[in-house]
Amino acid sequence: MVEAINNVYVIGLLASIGAGIMTGVGAIPIFFTRDISRRMLDSMLGFAAGVMLAATSFSLIVPSIEYGGGGLKSALITGLGIFIGGVFLDLTDKYSPHVHLLDKSREGVSASLKKIWLFIIAITIHNFPEGLAVGVGFGNNDIKNGLVLAMGIGLQNLPEGLAVALALVRENYSPKKAFIIALLTGLVEPVGGILGLWLVGIFQPILPLALAFAAGAMLFVISDEIIPETHKGGHEREATYGVMIGFIIMMILDITLG
């Protein structure tokens, strides 16, 4: 039993690291070209939002209800967890100074930090709940669900990494430095993954609530940040199709692999 738990921890940690590294992989094109249109970037970020939405639905919300035993009580617990997760991200987003990736607008209690740190804080806010979701996804020794969730998070990290790198290059950072920063921001996810694994491992009864909390945090990021960003450049239709395609692909992955 102890060995099985240790295996889950190791696999969960490696999966969250792999998902985080994909942010750096997504930034690799910055070494070859900076000529990536806003239309293309909006479509790719829409795709990322669709992947996140499907992962949230099928790998977090549905298991949360199932692990809770189903029925109205389970649905209410899941709903509560989603709401708490959203409020947590809302407060974090509200009181942490950061810069939006595409339009450079600032939020938070202070705008005195250098832009580079504002970028890092912004990505940290968004990547941490993704890592948490991966860690929680391995709850109840459910390795398949955790791996599928990690795959989905890694997939949606690709366009996010490119967006971060492009934004930094446009702020006159070198491609090398932009790549390193994009990679490092993705490596916040294993921290969230470890926390999620630990919480569920110590407090197994909270698994349904933990899954729902991670779902709420991700839903907040999708609705408050990613989708609005993709609609600011006049490419709403392309971004919407990106969301649909991303959702479909992640749904198929979840059904076939989960």
Protein backbone atom coordinates (compact mmCIF):
# COMPACT_ATOMS: atom_id res chain seq x y z
CA MET A 1 0.00 0.00 0.00
CA VAL A 2 2.80 2.42 0.98
CA GLU A 3 4.70 1.52 -2.18
CA ALA A 4 1.61 2.23 -4.30
CA ILE A 5 1.18 5.64 -2.66
CA ASN A 6 4.85 6.43 -3.25
CA ASN A 7 4.46 5.47 -6.91
CA VAL A 8 1.50 7.82 -7.25
CA TYR A 9 3.54 10.65 -5.71
CA VAL A 10 6.46 10.03 -8.06
CA ILE A 11 4.27 9.74 -11.15
CA GLY A 12 2.22 12.78 -10.10
CA LEU A 13 5.35 14.87 -9.54
CA LEU A 14 6.85 13.83 -12.88
CA ALA A 15 3.56 14.49 -14.67
CA SER A 16 3.25 17.98 -13.21
CA ILE A 17 6.88 18.73 -14.12
CA GLY A 18 6.24 17.50 -17.66
CA ALA A 19 3.14 19.66 -17.98
CA GLY A 20 5.10 22.68 -16.75
CA ILE A 21 7.98 22.07 -19.14
CA MET A 22 5.55 22.25 -22.06
CA THR A 23 5.35 26.01 -21.41
CA GLY A 24 9.01 26.19 -22.40
CA VAL A 25 8.43 23.92 -25.39
CA GLY A 26 5.72 26.27 -26.58
CA ALA A 27 8.19 29.16 -26.45
CA ILE A 28 10.75 27.48 -28.77
CA PRO A 29 9.40 29.11 -31.99
CA ILE A 30 10.60 32.47 -30.63
CA PHE A 31 14.14 31.45 -31.67
CA PHE A 32 13.08 31.20 -35.30
CA THR A 33 10.48 33.90 -35.84
CA ARG A 34 8.70 36.77 -34.17
CA ASP A 35 6.26 37.15 -37.02
CA ILE A 36 3.31 35.41 -35.39
CA SER A 37 0.07 37.24 -36.06
CA ARG A 38 -2.35 38.24 -33.33
CA ARG A 39 -5.01 36.25 -35.19
CA MET A 40 -2.94 33.07 -34.92
CA LEU A 41 -2.09 33.70 -31.28
CA ASP A 42 -5.74 34.34 -30.39
CA SER A 43 -6.75 31.11 -32.12
CA MET A 44 -4.08 29.17 -30.24
CA LEU A 45 -5.04 30.67 -26.89
CA GLY A 46 -8.68 29.88 -27.68
CA PHE A 47 -7.58 26.30 -28.28
CA ALA A 48 -5.84 26.35 -24.88
CA ALA A 49 -9.03 27.60 -23.23
CA GLY A 50 -11.02 24.81 -24.85
CA VAL A 51 -8.57 22.17 -23.64
CA MET A 52 -8.69 23.61 -20.12
CA LEU A 53 -12.49 23.70 -20.19
CA ALA A 54 -12.76 20.04 -21.21
CA ALA A 55 -10.11 18.99 -18.68
CA THR A 56 -11.98 20.88 -15.98
CA SER A 57 -15.28 19.26 -16.93
CA PHE A 58 -14.24 15.65 -17.47
CA SER A 59 -11.17 15.25 -15.25
CA LEU A 60 -12.16 17.41 -12.27
CA ILE A 61 -15.89 18.13 -12.00
CA VAL A 62 -17.20 14.71 -13.08
CA PRO A 63 -14.77 12.78 -10.80
CA SER A 64 -15.59 15.16 -7.95
CA ILE A 65 -19.27 14.25 -8.19
CA GLU A 66 -18.49 10.54 -8.61
CA TYR A 67 -16.10 10.39 -5.64
CA GLY A 68 -18.71 12.20 -3.57
CA GLY A 69 -21.16 9.38 -4.20
CA GLY A 70 -23.38 11.14 -6.72
CA GLY A 71 -26.75 12.68 -6.05
CA LEU A 72 -27.76 16.14 -4.94
CA LYS A 73 -25.48 16.24 -1.89
CA SER A 74 -22.44 15.42 -4.01
CA ALA A 75 -23.43 18.03 -6.61
CA LEU A 76 -23.80 20.66 -3.88
CA ILE A 77 -20.36 19.83 -2.44
CA THR A 78 -18.86 20.06 -5.92
CA GLY A 79 -20.64 23.35 -6.56
CA LEU A 80 -19.32 24.72 -3.28
CA GLY A 81 -15.79 23.67 -4.16
CA ILE A 82 -16.04 25.30 -7.60
CA PHE A 83 -17.26 28.55 -6.06
CA ILE A 84 -14.53 28.59 -3.40
CA GLY A 85 -11.88 27.91 -6.03
CA GLY A 86 -13.15 30.78 -8.15
CA VAL A 87 -13.25 33.19 -5.20
CA PHE A 88 -9.71 32.16 -4.23
CA LEU A 89 -8.42 32.97 -7.71
CA ASP A 90 -10.44 36.18 -7.79
CA LEU A 91 -8.82 37.41 -4.57
CA THR A 92 -5.38 36.30 -5.70
CA ASP A 93 -5.85 38.07 -9.03
CA LYS A 94 -7.22 41.18 -7.35
CA TYR A 95 -4.49 41.68 -4.78
CA SER A 96 -1.44 40.44 -6.70
CA PRO A 97 0.16 43.04 -8.98
CA HIS A 98 0.53 41.70 -12.51
CA VAL A 99 0.39 42.57 -16.20
CA HIS A 100 -1.95 41.05 -18.78
CA LEU A 101 0.07 39.30 -21.45
CA LEU A 102 -1.39 40.77 -24.60
CA ASP A 103 -2.78 44.21 -23.82
CA LYS A 104 -0.22 45.20 -21.11
CA SER A 105 -2.93 46.46 -18.75
CA ARG A 106 -2.03 46.25 -15.06
CA GLU A 107 -4.00 44.90 -12.13
CA GLY A 108 -3.42 44.54 -8.41
CA VAL A 109 -2.49 46.70 -5.48
CA SER A 110 0.79 47.99 -6.87
CA ALA A 111 2.16 48.97 -10.26
CA SER A 112 5.64 49.85 -8.99
CA LEU A 113 7.26 46.50 -9.76
CA LYS A 114 9.30 46.05 -12.91
CA LYS A 115 7.37 44.63 -15.83
CA ILE A 116 9.34 41.40 -15.82
CA TRP A 117 8.18 40.61 -12.29
CA LEU A 118 4.62 41.58 -13.17
CA PHE A 119 4.73 39.10 -16.04
CA ILE A 120 6.10 36.38 -13.79
CA ILE A 121 3.44 37.02 -11.14
CA ALA A 122 0.69 36.88 -13.78
CA ILE A 123 1.80 33.51 -15.10
CA THR A 124 2.35 32.19 -11.58
CA ILE A 125 -1.23 33.08 -10.69
CA HIS A 126 -2.50 31.16 -13.70
CA ASN A 127 -0.14 28.17 -13.63
CA PHE A 128 -0.39 27.33 -9.95
CA PRO A 129 -4.03 26.12 -10.07
CA GLU A 130 -3.17 24.05 -13.14
CA GLY A 131 -0.44 22.28 -11.20
CA LEU A 132 -2.79 21.90 -8.25
CA ALA A 133 -5.36 20.32 -10.57
CA VAL A 134 -2.81 17.77 -11.82
CA GLY A 135 -1.80 16.84 -8.27
CA VAL A 136 -5.40 16.52 -7.10
CA GLY A 137 -6.19 14.55 -10.26
CA PHE A 138 -3.99 11.74 -8.94
CA GLY A 139 -6.14 11.56 -5.80
CA ASN A 140 -7.51 8.17 -4.79
CA ASN A 141 -4.53 6.63 -6.66
CA ASP A 142 -6.29 7.45 -9.96
CA ILE A 143 -3.18 7.47 -12.14
CA LYS A 144 -5.10 7.40 -15.43
CA ASN A 145 -7.14 10.48 -14.58
CA GLY A 146 -4.05 12.31 -13.36
CA LEU A 147 -2.05 11.51 -16.50
CA VAL A 148 -4.88 12.56 -18.82
CA LEU A 149 -5.25 15.80 -16.89
CA ALA A 150 -1.49 16.41 -17.02
CA MET A 151 -1.57 15.76 -20.78
CA GLY A 152 -4.35 18.30 -21.22
CA ILE A 153 -2.59 20.92 -19.09
CA GLY A 154 0.64 20.35 -21.02
CA LEU A 155 -1.21 20.71 -24.32
CA GLN A 156 -2.74 24.04 -23.33
CA ASN A 157 0.60 25.25 -21.96
CA LEU A 158 2.09 25.26 -25.47
CA PRO A 159 0.30 28.40 -26.74
CA GLU A 160 0.61 30.03 -23.31
CA GLY A 161 4.38 29.61 -23.44
CA LEU A 162 4.49 31.16 -26.90
CA ALA A 163 2.32 34.07 -25.75
CA VAL A 164 4.62 34.74 -22.79
CA ALA A 165 7.76 34.59 -24.92
CA LEU A 166 6.30 36.85 -27.62
CA ALA A 167 5.19 39.39 -25.04
CA LEU A 168 8.66 39.48 -23.49
CA VAL A 169 10.44 39.75 -26.84
CA ARG A 170 8.19 42.68 -27.72
CA GLU A 171 9.38 44.26 -24.46
CA ASN A 172 12.94 44.01 -25.86
CA TYR A 173 14.00 40.86 -24.02
CA SER A 174 16.28 38.53 -25.96
CA PRO A 175 14.76 35.28 -27.31
CA LYS A 176 16.99 33.31 -24.94
CA LYS A 177 15.85 35.24 -21.87
CA ALA A 178 12.21 35.10 -23.01
CA PHE A 179 12.47 31.33 -23.42
CA ILE A 180 14.03 30.84 -19.98
CA ILE A 181 11.39 32.99 -18.29
CA ALA A 182 8.57 31.13 -20.08
CA LEU A 183 10.08 27.82 -18.97
CA LEU A 184 10.49 28.96 -15.36
CA THR A 185 6.91 30.20 -15.15
CA GLY A 186 5.75 26.74 -16.22
CA LEU A 187 7.81 25.14 -13.47
CA VAL A 188 5.49 26.71 -10.92
CA GLU A 189 3.08 23.90 -11.76
CA PRO A 190 5.02 21.13 -9.96
CA VAL A 191 4.75 23.20 -6.76
CA GLY A 192 0.96 23.18 -7.11
CA GLY A 193 1.12 19.50 -8.06
CA ILE A 194 3.02 18.58 -4.89
CA LEU A 195 0.58 20.57 -2.77
CA GLY A 196 -2.40 18.86 -4.41
CA LEU A 197 -0.89 15.40 -3.94
CA TRP A 198 -0.06 16.12 -0.31
CA LEU A 199 -3.47 17.54 0.56
CA VAL A 200 -5.37 14.64 -0.95
CA GLY A 201 -2.93 12.09 0.47
CA ILE A 202 -3.30 13.44 4.02
CA PHE A 203 -6.98 14.34 3.87
CA GLN A 204 -8.51 11.72 1.58
CA PRO A 205 -12.13 12.67 2.49
CA ILE A 206 -11.60 16.14 0.99
CA LEU A 207 -10.90 14.70 -2.49
CA PRO A 208 -14.28 15.71 -4.00
CA LEU A 209 -13.94 19.25 -2.60
CA ALA A 210 -10.29 19.47 -3.70
CA LEU A 211 -11.14 18.42 -7.26
CA ALA A 212 -13.96 20.97 -7.37
CA PHE A 213 -11.71 23.70 -5.91
CA ALA A 214 -9.14 23.10 -8.66
CA ALA A 215 -11.96 23.14 -11.22
CA GLY A 216 -13.25 26.47 -9.93
CA ALA A 217 -9.79 28.00 -10.03
CA MET A 218 -9.28 26.87 -13.62
CA LEU A 219 -12.74 28.05 -14.68
CA PHE A 220 -11.95 31.47 -13.28
CA VAL A 221 -8.71 31.65 -15.28
CA ILE A 222 -10.51 30.56 -18.47
CA SER A 223 -13.36 33.05 -18.15
CA ASP A 224 -11.59 36.00 -16.55
CA GLU A 225 -8.27 35.91 -18.39
CA ILE A 226 -7.78 33.67 -21.40
CA ILE A 227 -11.04 34.08 -23.34
CA PRO A 228 -11.26 37.88 -22.79
CA GLU A 229 -7.63 38.22 -23.96
CA THR A 230 -8.46 36.39 -27.19
CA HIS A 231 -11.40 38.73 -27.89
CA LYS A 232 -9.52 42.01 -27.59
CA GLY A 233 -7.82 41.87 -30.99
CA GLY A 234 -10.94 41.57 -33.13
CA HIS A 235 -10.55 37.81 -33.75
CA GLU A 236 -13.41 36.54 -31.64
CA ARG A 237 -14.64 34.09 -34.28
CA GLU A 238 -11.24 32.43 -34.74
CA ALA A 239 -10.75 32.23 -30.98
CA THR A 240 -14.20 30.69 -30.54
CA TYR A 241 -13.45 27.97 -33.07
CA GLY A 242 -10.17 27.44 -31.23
CA VAL A 243 -12.11 26.88 -28.00
CA MET A 244 -14.41 24.36 -29.70
CA ILE A 245 -11.56 22.43 -31.33
CA GLY A 246 -9.56 22.36 -28.11
CA PHE A 247 -12.59 21.14 -26.14
CA ILE A 248 -13.32 18.38 -28.66
CA ILE A 249 -9.72 17.14 -28.76
CA MET A 250 -9.41 17.07 -24.97
CA MET A 251 -12.82 15.38 -24.65
CA ILE A 252 -11.69 12.63 -27.03
CA LEU A 253 -8.40 12.21 -25.16
CA ASP A 254 -10.21 11.97 -21.86
CA ILE A 255 -12.74 9.42 -23.11
CA THR A 256 -10.17 7.23 -24.89
CA LEU A 257 -7.35 7.41 -22.33
CA GLY A 258 -9.19 8.11 -19.08
